[in-house]
């Protein structure tokens, strides 16, 4: 964190720069992400690994609670996700 000029970055750009610095290989695609602007998905959808963007604490905690209570994905959902 000290080697990055992060003070004006959003959380998504910050995470991308951290992953780049750690040499984590990117996975292209959006089927695993829920974004209220472009890629809608319910907070309880077990095929999603990230839900973006919840900028206030109340909406973030509400989504976190729904995703935490969701049942795990089925094998079929995982296989479809990997395609």
N, C-alpha and C. Protein backbone atom coordinates (compact mmCIF):
# COMPACT_ATOMS: atom_id res chain seq x y z
N UNK A 1 0.83 -1.19 0.00
CA UNK A 1 0.00 0.00 0.00
C UNK A 1 0.87 1.25 0.00
N UNK A 2 1.97 1.22 0.70
CA UNK A 2 2.83 2.39 0.77
C UNK A 2 3.45 2.74 -0.58
N UNK A 3 3.62 1.75 -1.46
CA UNK A 3 4.25 2.03 -2.75
C UNK A 3 3.26 2.47 -3.81
N UNK A 4 1.98 2.54 -3.48
CA UNK A 4 0.96 2.97 -4.42
C UNK A 4 0.42 4.34 -4.05
N UNK A 5 0.16 5.17 -5.05
CA UNK A 5 -0.41 6.50 -4.84
C UNK A 5 -1.93 6.38 -4.84
N UNK A 6 -2.48 5.83 -3.78
CA UNK A 6 -3.87 5.37 -3.73
C UNK A 6 -4.87 6.37 -3.18
N UNK A 7 -4.45 7.49 -2.68
CA UNK A 7 -5.33 8.38 -1.93
C UNK A 7 -6.57 8.87 -2.69
N UNK A 8 -6.51 8.96 -3.99
CA UNK A 8 -7.66 9.44 -4.76
C UNK A 8 -8.36 8.33 -5.55
N UNK A 9 -7.97 7.10 -5.34
CA UNK A 9 -8.51 5.98 -6.10
C UNK A 9 -9.80 5.47 -5.47
N UNK A 10 -10.67 4.94 -6.31
CA UNK A 10 -11.83 4.19 -5.83
C UNK A 10 -11.37 2.80 -5.43
N UNK A 11 -12.25 2.07 -4.73
CA UNK A 11 -11.86 0.76 -4.24
C UNK A 11 -11.59 -0.25 -5.35
N UNK A 12 -12.31 -0.13 -6.47
CA UNK A 12 -12.10 -1.07 -7.56
C UNK A 12 -10.74 -0.88 -8.22
N UNK A 13 -10.35 0.38 -8.44
CA UNK A 13 -9.04 0.66 -9.05
C UNK A 13 -7.92 0.28 -8.07
N UNK A 14 -8.14 0.55 -6.79
CA UNK A 14 -7.15 0.18 -5.77
C UNK A 14 -6.91 -1.33 -5.80
N UNK A 15 -7.98 -2.11 -5.81
CA UNK A 15 -7.84 -3.57 -5.82
C UNK A 15 -7.14 -4.05 -7.09
N UNK A 16 -7.46 -3.43 -8.23
CA UNK A 16 -6.82 -3.84 -9.48
C UNK A 16 -5.31 -3.56 -9.43
N UNK A 17 -4.93 -2.41 -8.89
CA UNK A 17 -3.51 -2.09 -8.79
C UNK A 17 -2.80 -3.03 -7.82
N UNK A 18 -3.44 -3.39 -6.72
CA UNK A 18 -2.86 -4.35 -5.78
C UNK A 18 -2.66 -5.70 -6.46
N UNK A 19 -3.67 -6.15 -7.19
CA UNK A 19 -3.56 -7.43 -7.88
C UNK A 19 -2.44 -7.39 -8.92
N UNK A 20 -2.32 -6.28 -9.64
CA UNK A 20 -1.24 -6.13 -10.62
C UNK A 20 0.12 -6.20 -9.93
N UNK A 21 0.25 -5.50 -8.80
CA UNK A 21 1.51 -5.48 -8.07
C UNK A 21 1.87 -6.87 -7.56
N UNK A 22 0.86 -7.66 -7.17
CA UNK A 22 1.08 -9.02 -6.70
C UNK A 22 1.19 -10.03 -7.83
N UNK A 23 1.06 -9.56 -9.07
CA UNK A 23 1.13 -10.38 -10.28
C UNK A 23 0.06 -11.47 -10.31
N UNK A 24 -1.14 -11.10 -9.86
CA UNK A 24 -2.28 -12.00 -9.94
C UNK A 24 -2.85 -11.91 -11.34
N UNK A 25 -3.02 -13.04 -12.00
CA UNK A 25 -3.52 -13.07 -13.36
C UNK A 25 -4.99 -12.66 -13.39
N UNK A 26 -5.31 -11.76 -14.31
CA UNK A 26 -6.68 -11.29 -14.46
C UNK A 26 -7.54 -12.35 -15.14
N UNK A 27 -8.81 -12.37 -14.78
CA UNK A 27 -9.80 -13.22 -15.44
C UNK A 27 -10.78 -12.27 -16.11
N UNK A 28 -10.83 -12.30 -17.41
CA UNK A 28 -11.74 -11.42 -18.14
C UNK A 28 -13.14 -12.01 -18.14
N UNK A 29 -14.09 -11.15 -17.98
CA UNK A 29 -15.48 -11.58 -17.99
C UNK A 29 -16.25 -10.87 -16.91
N UNK A 30 -17.55 -10.92 -17.04
CA UNK A 30 -18.40 -10.25 -16.07
C UNK A 30 -19.50 -11.15 -15.53
N UNK A 31 -19.51 -12.41 -15.95
CA UNK A 31 -20.59 -13.30 -15.51
C UNK A 31 -20.54 -13.58 -14.02
N UNK A 32 -19.41 -13.35 -13.39
CA UNK A 32 -19.26 -13.62 -11.97
C UNK A 32 -19.47 -12.38 -11.10
N UNK A 33 -19.81 -11.24 -11.72
CA UNK A 33 -19.95 -10.00 -10.98
C UNK A 33 -21.37 -9.46 -11.12
N UNK A 34 -21.88 -8.88 -10.05
CA UNK A 34 -23.16 -8.19 -10.09
C UNK A 34 -22.90 -6.70 -9.91
N UNK A 35 -23.39 -5.91 -10.84
CA UNK A 35 -23.20 -4.47 -10.81
C UNK A 35 -24.54 -3.84 -11.14
N UNK A 36 -25.06 -3.05 -10.25
CA UNK A 36 -26.38 -2.47 -10.46
C UNK A 36 -26.48 -1.59 -11.69
N UNK A 37 -25.35 -1.15 -12.23
CA UNK A 37 -25.37 -0.28 -13.40
C UNK A 37 -25.36 -1.04 -14.72
N UNK A 38 -24.53 -2.05 -14.83
CA UNK A 38 -24.35 -2.73 -16.12
C UNK A 38 -24.68 -4.22 -16.12
N UNK A 39 -24.42 -4.90 -15.03
CA UNK A 39 -24.60 -6.35 -14.96
C UNK A 39 -25.45 -6.69 -13.74
N UNK A 40 -26.75 -6.52 -13.85
CA UNK A 40 -27.61 -6.71 -12.68
C UNK A 40 -27.56 -8.14 -12.14
N UNK A 41 -27.66 -8.23 -10.84
CA UNK A 41 -27.69 -9.52 -10.18
C UNK A 41 -28.09 -9.32 -8.73
N UNK A 42 -28.85 -10.24 -8.22
CA UNK A 42 -29.30 -10.15 -6.84
C UNK A 42 -28.14 -10.42 -5.88
N UNK A 43 -28.17 -9.80 -4.74
CA UNK A 43 -27.12 -10.00 -3.74
C UNK A 43 -27.05 -11.45 -3.26
N UNK A 44 -28.13 -12.19 -3.38
CA UNK A 44 -28.13 -13.59 -2.96
C UNK A 44 -27.81 -14.56 -4.07
N UNK A 45 -27.41 -14.09 -5.24
CA UNK A 45 -27.09 -14.97 -6.37
C UNK A 45 -25.77 -15.69 -6.09
N UNK A 46 -25.80 -17.00 -5.89
CA UNK A 46 -24.58 -17.73 -5.53
C UNK A 46 -23.57 -17.87 -6.66
N UNK A 47 -23.93 -17.47 -7.88
CA UNK A 47 -22.97 -17.54 -8.99
C UNK A 47 -22.14 -16.28 -9.09
N UNK A 48 -22.38 -15.31 -8.23
CA UNK A 48 -21.63 -14.05 -8.24
C UNK A 48 -20.61 -14.06 -7.11
N UNK A 49 -19.43 -13.51 -7.40
CA UNK A 49 -18.39 -13.43 -6.37
C UNK A 49 -18.20 -12.00 -5.87
N UNK A 50 -18.78 -11.05 -6.57
CA UNK A 50 -18.66 -9.65 -6.16
C UNK A 50 -19.92 -8.90 -6.52
N UNK A 51 -20.28 -7.97 -5.67
CA UNK A 51 -21.45 -7.13 -5.87
C UNK A 51 -20.97 -5.68 -5.77
N UNK A 52 -21.24 -4.90 -6.82
CA UNK A 52 -20.70 -3.54 -6.90
C UNK A 52 -21.80 -2.61 -7.29
N UNK A 53 -21.91 -1.49 -6.99
CA UNK A 53 -21.17 -0.71 -6.00
C UNK A 53 -22.15 -0.28 -4.91
N UNK A 54 -21.81 -0.60 -3.72
CA UNK A 54 -22.61 -0.19 -2.57
C UNK A 54 -21.79 0.82 -1.80
N UNK A 55 -22.12 2.09 -1.98
CA UNK A 55 -21.30 3.19 -1.47
C UNK A 55 -21.63 3.60 -0.04
N UNK A 56 -22.79 3.20 0.47
CA UNK A 56 -23.09 3.57 1.86
C UNK A 56 -23.18 2.29 2.69
N UNK A 57 -22.93 2.45 3.96
CA UNK A 57 -22.84 1.30 4.86
C UNK A 57 -24.13 0.48 4.91
N UNK A 58 -25.27 1.15 4.94
CA UNK A 58 -26.54 0.43 5.03
C UNK A 58 -26.79 -0.48 3.85
N UNK A 59 -26.59 0.02 2.63
CA UNK A 59 -26.84 -0.82 1.45
C UNK A 59 -25.79 -1.92 1.32
N UNK A 60 -24.55 -1.61 1.71
CA UNK A 60 -23.50 -2.63 1.69
C UNK A 60 -23.84 -3.77 2.65
N UNK A 61 -24.20 -3.42 3.88
CA UNK A 61 -24.51 -4.46 4.87
C UNK A 61 -25.75 -5.26 4.49
N UNK A 62 -26.74 -4.61 3.87
CA UNK A 62 -27.93 -5.33 3.43
C UNK A 62 -27.57 -6.36 2.36
N UNK A 63 -26.74 -5.96 1.40
CA UNK A 63 -26.32 -6.89 0.34
C UNK A 63 -25.45 -8.00 0.92
N UNK A 64 -24.54 -7.64 1.80
CA UNK A 64 -23.68 -8.64 2.44
C UNK A 64 -24.52 -9.67 3.20
N UNK A 65 -25.52 -9.20 3.90
CA UNK A 65 -26.38 -10.11 4.64
C UNK A 65 -27.12 -11.07 3.73
N UNK A 66 -27.63 -10.57 2.60
CA UNK A 66 -28.32 -11.43 1.64
C UNK A 66 -27.37 -12.45 1.03
N UNK A 67 -26.17 -12.02 0.66
CA UNK A 67 -25.23 -12.94 0.02
C UNK A 67 -24.70 -13.96 1.02
N UNK A 68 -24.55 -13.56 2.26
CA UNK A 68 -24.07 -14.47 3.28
C UNK A 68 -25.11 -15.54 3.62
N UNK A 69 -26.38 -15.23 3.45
CA UNK A 69 -27.45 -16.18 3.76
C UNK A 69 -27.82 -17.07 2.59
N UNK A 70 -27.29 -16.77 1.41
CA UNK A 70 -27.65 -17.53 0.21
C UNK A 70 -27.06 -18.94 0.27
N UNK A 71 -27.79 -19.92 -0.28
CA UNK A 71 -27.25 -21.28 -0.33
C UNK A 71 -26.08 -21.34 -1.31
N UNK A 72 -25.18 -22.29 -1.13
CA UNK A 72 -24.06 -22.41 -2.06
C UNK A 72 -24.55 -22.79 -3.46
N UNK A 73 -23.77 -22.48 -4.48
CA UNK A 73 -24.19 -22.82 -5.84
C UNK A 73 -24.22 -24.33 -6.06
N UNK A 74 -25.05 -24.75 -6.99
CA UNK A 74 -25.11 -26.16 -7.36
C UNK A 74 -23.93 -26.48 -8.29
N UNK A 75 -23.66 -27.76 -8.48
CA UNK A 75 -22.60 -28.17 -9.39
C UNK A 75 -22.89 -27.65 -10.80
N UNK A 76 -24.15 -27.70 -11.21
CA UNK A 76 -24.52 -27.21 -12.53
C UNK A 76 -24.22 -25.71 -12.68
N UNK A 77 -24.49 -24.94 -11.64
CA UNK A 77 -24.20 -23.51 -11.69
C UNK A 77 -22.70 -23.27 -11.79
N UNK A 78 -21.92 -24.04 -11.06
CA UNK A 78 -20.47 -23.88 -11.12
C UNK A 78 -19.94 -24.24 -12.50
N UNK A 79 -20.42 -25.34 -13.07
CA UNK A 79 -19.99 -25.76 -14.40
C UNK A 79 -20.37 -24.69 -15.43
N UNK A 80 -21.59 -24.17 -15.36
CA UNK A 80 -22.01 -23.12 -16.29
C UNK A 80 -21.15 -21.88 -16.12
N UNK A 81 -20.79 -21.54 -14.91
CA UNK A 81 -19.97 -20.38 -14.63
C UNK A 81 -18.59 -20.53 -15.24
N UNK A 82 -18.03 -21.74 -15.24
CA UNK A 82 -16.68 -21.98 -15.74
C UNK A 82 -16.59 -21.96 -17.25
N UNK A 83 -17.71 -22.00 -17.94
CA UNK A 83 -17.69 -22.01 -19.42
C UNK A 83 -17.37 -20.64 -19.96
